[in-house]
Amino acid sequence: MNTIFPKLKNDFQNDEVITTNIYKLIDKYSVNNHLSKDEFLFILDNITEKETRYLYKKAYDLKYEFYQNRVYLRALIEISNYCKMGCKYCGINNTVESIERYRLSVDEIIEYCALGYSLGYRTFVIQGGEDSYYTDDVLSLLLHRLKSEMPDTRITLSLGERSKKSYQILKDAGADRYLLRHETASKKLYNYLHPSYMSFENRRECLHNLKEIGYQVGAGFMVGTPSQTNKDLVDDLFFLKELNPHMVGIGPYLCHEDTELKGNMSGTLTESLIMVAMTRLLLPKVLLPATTALGSLHKIGREKALKVGANVMMPNISPTENRELYEIYQNKICTTDTSELCRNCVEARIVGVGHVIDLGVGDHIDLERVTNNARK
């Protein structure tokens, strides 16, 4: 059973002193962009629906200060559901025998990125399991071709843990960004969620290597995983402050019944939105996706995330025949939509909650300013 945010079920039952203290801490947090561990924990242990509304407003206002109501679109293509890793929560891990495996060739990836380009996308997120087929040579060929045929784009890779040498080769070949969720900053929880051959230390080292090489780096964590505590989430916030990534992906843990963690409760929308808002206040300029997992958890989960600090969405341009096979969690949305339909649907959702789409390359605002200054 999940143990985070126990007070959320008791809305409006906080006494006046606790409520006042939470408001004061949120005010302090919105100015200083950091709190002590005890202060973070006080908020998470005691926050109710009443205070979440205040937290959400502060987070939205801070997002608006830097990005206004713009939402960057990234075209997501899921290139393979083969994976050599055994993450215990993931529906495509190497122990799952019930799934049909697939992978896309370089030509197929180029084809679907070209389709995405014709739909206006200028950032592509190439995501997959840790599939050994995609060597440095294969990915370098892909990156060279993408940048040759679509030079005005940003290429994001999300392909798991690799050596520092590999990350450098891919950066030199044209990769701009790399997404690698740290999953959790608690070693105890990390070890619970992963097999013994996966290393908590290596995961963190990969993220530091990516930053050192010069990628725009994305980290992130799940909310509501089995045995997770509020203290674990505080550790996530402290790790993010230390790493200072350009992007942070936050989504609920969604239980998959073909994994070792079957039978557990999934995370909740409210818990996830609180952590999205907390992360916006922690890293005011960060690129913060309204994740597909939030939309899978609740029909307007992504829209709600935009209202509490998120500013990125990732419509899917993968081949429709493969989308259901990329089942990292169950009941995933948009698996049958065409790329065109997904693009139009996402835009309608964004506009429907008072935001506008931005089809530019969507760099982190500090990098965007450097680029603009260089052009002057």
Protein backbone atom coordinates (compact mmCIF):
# COMPACT_ATOMS: atom_id res chain seq x y z
CA MET A 1 0.00 0.00 0.00
CA ASN A 2 1.29 3.48 -0.84
CA THR A 3 2.10 5.68 2.13
CA ILE A 4 2.60 9.18 0.71
CA PHE A 5 0.41 12.20 1.43
CA PRO A 6 -1.75 10.56 4.13
CA LYS A 7 -3.48 13.84 4.94
CA LEU A 8 -4.95 14.36 1.49
CA LYS A 9 -7.97 12.23 2.34
CA ASN A 10 -8.83 14.53 5.24
CA ASP A 11 -9.45 17.76 3.35
CA PHE A 12 -10.09 20.86 5.43
CA GLN A 13 -9.33 19.05 8.69
CA ASN A 14 -5.95 20.74 9.20
CA ASP A 15 -6.02 23.05 12.20
CA GLU A 16 -5.49 26.72 11.53
CA VAL A 17 -1.89 26.76 12.76
CA ILE A 18 -0.81 23.97 10.39
CA THR A 19 -2.59 25.60 7.45
CA THR A 20 -0.96 28.96 8.18
CA ASN A 21 2.46 27.35 8.44
CA ILE A 22 2.01 25.57 5.08
CA TYR A 23 1.03 28.84 3.40
CA LYS A 24 4.11 30.52 4.89
CA LEU A 25 6.36 27.71 3.69
CA ILE A 26 4.90 27.84 0.19
CA ASP A 27 5.50 31.61 0.12
CA LYS A 28 9.07 31.08 1.27
CA TYR A 29 9.57 28.32 -1.28
CA SER A 30 8.26 30.43 -4.18
CA VAL A 31 10.80 33.15 -3.36
CA ASN A 32 13.86 31.08 -2.38
CA ASN A 33 13.21 28.06 -4.65
CA HIS A 34 14.37 25.76 -1.89
CA LEU A 35 13.51 24.64 1.63
CA SER A 36 15.11 22.48 4.29
CA LYS A 37 14.29 18.78 4.32
CA ASP A 38 12.19 19.24 7.41
CA GLU A 39 10.22 22.05 5.77
CA PHE A 40 9.61 20.00 2.63
CA LEU A 41 8.49 17.09 4.76
CA PHE A 42 6.13 19.27 6.78
CA ILE A 43 4.35 20.33 3.60
CA LEU A 44 4.04 16.80 2.22
CA ASP A 45 2.97 15.31 5.54
CA ASN A 46 0.27 17.89 6.22
CA ILE A 47 -0.97 19.38 2.95
CA THR A 48 -4.69 19.08 2.19
CA GLU A 49 -6.81 20.05 -0.79
CA LYS A 50 -7.18 23.54 0.62
CA GLU A 51 -3.43 24.22 0.52
CA THR A 52 -2.85 22.47 -2.80
CA ARG A 53 -4.84 25.18 -4.57
CA TYR A 54 -2.45 27.78 -3.17
CA LEU A 55 0.57 25.69 -4.15
CA TYR A 56 -0.77 25.22 -7.69
CA LYS A 57 -1.33 28.95 -8.17
CA LYS A 58 2.18 29.81 -7.01
CA ALA A 59 3.64 27.21 -9.37
CA TYR A 60 1.58 28.38 -12.34
CA ASP A 61 2.49 32.02 -11.71
CA LEU A 62 6.18 31.13 -11.65
CA LYS A 63 5.89 29.17 -14.88
CA TYR A 64 4.10 32.12 -16.49
CA GLU A 65 6.88 34.49 -15.45
CA PHE A 66 9.35 32.63 -17.70
CA TYR A 67 7.29 30.81 -20.32
CA GLN A 68 3.91 32.57 -20.26
CA ASN A 69 1.16 30.22 -21.46
CA ARG A 70 3.31 28.55 -24.14
CA VAL A 71 3.45 24.76 -24.33
CA TYR A 72 6.28 23.20 -26.29
CA LEU A 73 5.40 20.18 -28.40
CA ARG A 74 7.89 17.32 -28.84
CA ALA A 75 7.15 14.48 -31.24
CA LEU A 76 7.66 11.14 -29.49
CA ILE A 77 8.68 8.02 -31.39
CA GLU A 78 9.01 4.75 -29.50
CA ILE A 79 11.60 2.83 -31.50
CA SER A 80 11.85 -0.49 -29.64
CA ASN A 81 10.30 -2.46 -26.80
CA TYR A 82 13.28 -4.78 -26.47
CA CYS A 83 15.06 -4.12 -23.19
CA LYS A 84 17.97 -5.82 -21.45
CA MET A 85 17.04 -4.31 -18.08
CA GLY A 86 14.68 -5.75 -15.49
CA CYS A 87 13.03 -2.76 -13.80
CA LYS A 88 10.37 -4.44 -11.69
CA TYR A 89 7.61 -1.94 -12.51
CA CYS A 90 8.04 -1.82 -16.28
CA GLY A 91 5.87 -3.77 -18.71
CA ILE A 92 8.66 -4.16 -21.29
CA ASN A 93 11.39 -5.36 -18.94
CA ASN A 94 13.43 -8.40 -19.93
CA THR A 95 11.42 -10.82 -17.79
CA VAL A 96 8.03 -10.11 -19.39
CA GLU A 97 7.23 -12.98 -21.75
CA SER A 98 3.68 -12.02 -22.71
CA ILE A 99 4.62 -9.11 -24.95
CA GLU A 100 5.39 -9.19 -28.66
CA ARG A 101 8.69 -7.46 -29.29
CA TYR A 102 9.46 -5.00 -32.09
CA ARG A 103 12.13 -2.54 -33.18
CA LEU A 104 12.27 0.09 -35.89
CA SER A 105 15.03 0.36 -38.50
CA VAL A 106 16.89 3.57 -39.16
CA ASP A 107 14.87 4.05 -42.36
CA GLU A 108 11.59 3.60 -40.46
CA ILE A 109 12.61 6.09 -37.77
CA ILE A 110 13.56 8.62 -40.45
CA GLU A 111 10.22 8.05 -42.20
CA TYR A 112 8.16 8.77 -39.10
CA CYS A 113 10.28 11.74 -38.10
CA ALA A 114 9.74 13.16 -41.60
CA LEU A 115 6.01 12.75 -41.05
CA GLY A 116 6.34 14.58 -37.76
CA TYR A 117 8.33 17.34 -39.45
CA SER A 118 5.52 17.80 -41.98
CA LEU A 119 3.12 18.24 -39.06
CA GLY A 120 5.24 21.10 -37.74
CA TYR A 121 7.34 19.42 -35.05
CA ARG A 122 10.91 20.64 -34.62
CA THR A 123 11.89 18.43 -31.71
CA PHE A 124 11.92 14.63 -31.81
CA VAL A 125 12.14 12.39 -28.75
CA ILE A 126 13.58 9.01 -29.72
CA GLN A 127 12.69 6.64 -26.92
CA GLY A 128 13.05 2.92 -26.38
CA GLY A 129 14.06 0.15 -24.09
CA GLU A 130 17.75 -0.55 -23.59
CA ASP A 131 18.04 -2.46 -26.86
CA SER A 132 21.58 -3.59 -27.71
CA TYR A 133 20.72 -3.47 -31.41
CA TYR A 134 21.12 0.29 -31.31
CA THR A 135 24.90 0.51 -31.16
CA ASP A 136 26.80 3.77 -31.33
CA ASP A 137 27.29 3.18 -35.06
CA VAL A 138 23.58 2.61 -35.72
CA LEU A 139 22.52 5.63 -33.69
CA SER A 140 25.26 7.82 -35.18
CA LEU A 141 24.00 6.97 -38.67
CA LEU A 142 20.46 7.83 -37.57
CA LEU A 143 21.50 11.13 -36.01
CA HIS A 144 23.62 12.19 -39.01
CA ARG A 145 20.73 11.51 -41.35
CA LEU A 146 18.18 13.30 -39.19
CA LYS A 147 20.33 16.40 -38.86
CA SER A 148 21.20 16.33 -42.55
CA GLU A 149 17.58 16.05 -43.68
CA MET A 150 16.04 18.20 -40.92
CA PRO A 151 18.80 20.54 -39.73
CA ASP A 152 16.48 22.97 -37.92
CA THR A 153 15.49 20.42 -35.28
CA ARG A 154 16.51 19.26 -31.83
CA ILE A 155 16.99 15.54 -31.27
CA THR A 156 16.32 14.09 -27.84
CA LEU A 157 17.39 10.56 -26.98
CA SER A 158 15.84 8.48 -24.21
CA LEU A 159 17.58 5.13 -24.50
CA GLY A 160 18.77 4.40 -20.99
CA GLU A 161 22.17 3.94 -19.42
CA ARG A 162 25.24 4.02 -21.66
CA SER A 163 28.93 4.67 -21.14
CA LYS A 164 30.27 8.20 -21.05
CA LYS A 165 32.15 7.44 -24.28
CA SER A 166 28.89 6.40 -25.94
CA TYR A 167 27.12 9.55 -24.80
CA GLN A 168 29.96 11.63 -26.24
CA ILE A 169 29.82 9.80 -29.59
CA LEU A 170 26.08 10.42 -29.83
CA LYS A 171 26.46 14.07 -28.88
CA ASP A 172 29.09 14.49 -31.58
CA ALA A 173 26.75 12.80 -34.08
CA GLY A 174 24.00 15.33 -33.47
CA ALA A 175 22.05 14.49 -30.31
CA ASP A 176 21.03 17.62 -28.40
CA ARG A 177 19.17 16.32 -25.37
CA TYR A 178 19.01 13.17 -23.29
CA LEU A 179 16.20 12.05 -21.01
CA LEU A 180 17.14 9.65 -18.22
CA ARG A 181 14.84 9.60 -15.24
CA HIS A 182 16.74 8.98 -12.04
CA GLU A 183 13.52 7.16 -10.94
CA THR A 184 14.19 7.81 -7.25
CA ALA A 185 16.90 9.48 -5.18
CA SER A 186 16.49 6.91 -2.41
CA LYS A 187 18.98 4.07 -2.75
CA LYS A 188 16.77 1.80 -0.66
CA LEU A 189 13.75 2.43 -2.88
CA TYR A 190 15.85 2.17 -6.05
CA ASN A 191 17.10 -1.25 -4.97
CA TYR A 192 13.53 -2.33 -4.22
CA LEU A 193 12.36 -1.34 -7.71
CA HIS A 194 15.30 -2.80 -9.66
CA PRO A 195 17.20 -6.09 -9.92
CA SER A 196 20.58 -6.44 -8.23
CA TYR A 197 22.55 -5.96 -11.45
CA MET A 198 21.23 -2.40 -11.84
CA SER A 199 23.15 0.27 -9.96
CA PHE A 200 21.79 3.29 -8.14
CA GLU A 201 25.23 4.90 -8.34
CA ASN A 202 25.60 4.26 -12.07
CA ARG A 203 22.24 5.87 -12.80
CA ARG A 204 23.32 9.06 -11.09
CA GLU A 205 26.75 8.95 -12.70
CA CYS A 206 25.12 8.74 -16.14
CA LEU A 207 23.20 11.94 -15.46
CA HIS A 208 26.32 13.77 -14.31
CA ASN A 209 28.21 12.51 -17.37
CA LEU A 210 25.49 13.80 -19.67
CA LYS A 211 25.65 17.24 -18.08
CA GLU A 212 29.43 17.31 -18.26
CA ILE A 213 29.37 16.45 -21.99
CA GLY A 214 26.98 19.31 -22.68
CA TYR A 215 23.59 17.74 -23.29
CA GLN A 216 20.36 19.38 -22.31
CA VAL A 217 19.61 16.85 -19.60
CA GLY A 218 16.30 15.49 -18.36
CA ALA A 219 15.92 13.65 -15.06
CA GLY A 220 12.72 12.66 -13.25
CA PHE A 221 10.92 10.33 -10.89
CA MET A 222 7.73 8.37 -10.34
CA VAL A 223 5.16 9.25 -7.69
CA GLY A 224 3.31 6.61 -5.71
CA THR A 225 5.59 3.60 -6.18
CA PRO A 226 5.16 0.76 -3.69
CA SER A 227 6.96 1.51 -0.39
CA GLN A 228 7.68 5.12 -1.40
CA THR A 229 7.49 7.65 1.45
CA ASN A 230 7.31 11.43 1.63
CA LYS A 231 10.95 11.42 2.75
CA ASP A 232 11.86 9.69 -0.52
CA LEU A 233 10.15 12.48 -2.45
CA VAL A 234 12.04 15.09 -0.45
CA ASP A 235 15.25 13.30 -1.44
CA ASP A 236 14.12 13.60 -5.08
CA LEU A 237 13.73 17.34 -4.72
CA PHE A 238 17.16 17.68 -3.14
CA PHE A 239 18.76 15.59 -5.90
CA LEU A 240 17.10 17.69 -8.59
CA LYS A 241 18.32 20.88 -6.95
CA GLU A 242 21.86 19.51 -6.94
CA LEU A 243 21.74 18.21 -10.52
CA ASN A 244 19.90 21.26 -11.88
CA PRO A 245 18.65 19.52 -15.04
CA HIS A 246 17.06 21.30 -17.98
CA MET A 247 14.03 18.99 -17.96
CA VAL A 248 12.22 16.93 -15.33
CA GLY A 249 9.73 14.18 -16.13
CA ILE A 250 7.28 13.39 -13.34
CA GLY A 251 4.48 10.91 -13.56
CA PRO A 252 2.48 8.51 -11.43
CA TYR A 253 3.56 4.95 -10.90
CA LEU A 254 1.03 2.90 -12.87
CA CYS A 255 0.89 -0.75 -11.94
CA HIS A 256 1.42 -3.35 -14.68
CA GLU A 257 -0.05 -6.76 -13.91
CA ASP A 258 2.62 -8.67 -15.87
CA THR A 259 5.45 -7.38 -13.68
CA GLU A 260 6.89 -8.39 -10.34
CA LEU A 261 5.06 -5.51 -8.67
CA LYS A 262 1.62 -6.61 -9.82
CA GLY A 263 -1.24 -6.09 -7.40
CA ASN A 264 0.03 -2.80 -6.01
CA MET A 265 -1.92 0.46 -5.98
CA SER A 266 -0.98 3.01 -8.61
CA GLY A 267 -0.04 6.56 -7.75
CA THR A 268 -2.76 9.19 -7.77
CA LEU A 269 -3.30 12.30 -9.86
CA THR A 270 -3.26 14.66 -6.88
CA GLU A 271 0.01 13.27 -5.54
CA SER A 272 1.59 13.65 -8.97
CA LEU A 273 0.31 17.20 -9.48
CA ILE A 274 1.66 18.24 -6.11
CA MET A 275 5.13 17.04 -7.12
CA VAL A 276 4.89 18.77 -10.51
CA ALA A 277 4.08 22.02 -8.70
CA MET A 278 6.82 21.45 -6.11
CA THR A 279 9.34 20.90 -8.90
CA ARG A 280 8.31 24.09 -10.70
CA LEU A 281 8.97 26.07 -7.53
CA LEU A 282 12.29 24.26 -7.07
CA LEU A 283 13.53 24.87 -10.64
CA PRO A 284 11.60 27.87 -11.99
CA LYS A 285 13.01 27.69 -15.54
CA VAL A 286 12.84 23.93 -15.98
CA LEU A 287 11.06 22.28 -18.90
CA LEU A 288 8.36 20.22 -17.26
CA PRO A 289 6.25 17.79 -19.29
CA ALA A 290 2.59 17.05 -18.76
CA THR A 291 3.27 13.35 -19.15
CA THR A 292 1.21 10.80 -21.03
CA ALA A 293 1.01 8.79 -17.81
CA LEU A 294 -1.00 11.61 -16.25
CA GLY A 295 -3.40 11.47 -19.19
CA SER A 296 -3.66 7.71 -18.79
CA LEU A 297 -4.46 8.10 -15.11
CA HIS A 298 -7.15 10.78 -15.64
CA LYS A 299 -8.87 11.96 -18.80
CA ILE A 300 -7.73 15.55 -18.25
CA GLY A 301 -4.60 14.75 -16.25
CA ARG A 302 -2.29 16.48 -18.71
CA GLU A 303 -4.42 19.60 -18.82
CA LYS A 304 -4.40 19.75 -15.03
CA ALA A 305 -0.60 19.49 -15.08
CA LEU A 306 -0.40 22.53 -17.38
CA LYS A 307 -2.36 24.49 -14.79
CA VAL A 308 0.11 23.64 -12.01
CA GLY A 309 3.41 24.33 -13.75
CA ALA A 310 3.99 21.94 -16.69
CA ASN A 311 4.89 23.45 -20.08
CA VAL A 312 5.72 20.55 -22.45
CA MET A 313 3.62 17.86 -24.13
CA MET A 314 4.76 14.93 -26.27
CA PRO A 315 2.31 13.76 -28.94
CA ASN A 316 3.08 10.30 -30.29
CA ILE A 317 4.20 9.81 -33.91
CA SER A 318 5.12 6.12 -33.55
CA PRO A 319 3.63 3.61 -36.01
CA THR A 320 0.12 2.88 -34.74
CA GLU A 321 0.64 -0.88 -35.09
CA ASN A 322 3.43 -0.72 -32.50
CA ARG A 323 1.98 1.63 -29.92
CA GLU A 324 0.11 -0.96 -27.89
CA LEU A 325 3.30 -3.02 -27.77
CA TYR A 326 5.22 -0.23 -26.04
CA GLU A 327 3.32 -0.99 -22.86
CA ILE A 328 5.52 0.24 -20.06
CA TYR A 329 2.27 0.55 -18.08
CA GLN A 330 -1.25 -0.64 -18.84
CA ASN A 331 -4.24 1.33 -20.16
CA LYS A 332 -2.00 3.79 -22.01
CA ILE A 333 -3.87 6.44 -23.99
CA CYS A 334 -3.57 7.37 -27.67
CA THR A 335 -2.40 3.93 -28.85
CA THR A 336 -4.74 3.90 -31.86
CA ASP A 337 -4.61 7.56 -32.89
CA THR A 338 -2.82 8.48 -36.09
CA SER A 339 0.00 11.01 -35.81
CA GLU A 340 -2.25 13.66 -37.38
CA LEU A 341 -5.11 12.95 -34.99
CA CYS A 342 -2.80 12.94 -31.98
CA ARG A 343 -1.32 16.29 -33.05
CA ASN A 344 -4.75 17.89 -33.45
CA CYS A 345 -6.09 16.39 -30.23
CA VAL A 346 -3.16 17.64 -28.17
CA GLU A 347 -3.44 21.14 -29.62
CA ALA A 348 -7.16 21.24 -28.82
CA ARG A 349 -6.47 20.15 -25.25
CA ILE A 350 -3.79 22.81 -24.82
CA VAL A 351 -5.93 25.61 -26.26
CA GLY A 352 -8.90 24.40 -24.23
CA VAL A 353 -7.17 25.29 -20.96
CA GLY A 354 -6.00 28.72 -22.05
CA HIS A 355 -2.56 27.85 -23.40
CA VAL A 356 -0.96 28.10 -26.84
CA ILE A 357 1.28 25.66 -28.65
CA ASP A 358 4.89 26.50 -29.46
CA LEU A 359 6.32 24.50 -32.36
CA GLY A 360 9.80 25.93 -32.04
CA VAL A 361 12.75 23.84 -30.90
CA GLY A 362 11.79 24.62 -27.32
CA ASP A 363 15.13 24.96 -25.58
CA HIS A 364 15.45 25.67 -21.89
CA ILE A 365 14.95 29.42 -21.56
CA ASP A 366 18.57 30.14 -20.57
CA LEU A 367 19.84 28.29 -23.64
CA GLU A 368 17.18 29.96 -25.78
CA ARG A 369 18.48 33.35 -24.72
CA VAL A 370 22.08 32.37 -25.49
CA THR A 371 21.05 31.24 -28.98
CA ASN A 372 19.07 34.40 -29.63
CA ASN A 373 21.95 36.61 -28.45
CA ALA A 374 24.37 34.73 -30.72
CA ARG A 375 22.15 35.51 -33.72
CA LYS A 376 22.15 39.25 -33.04
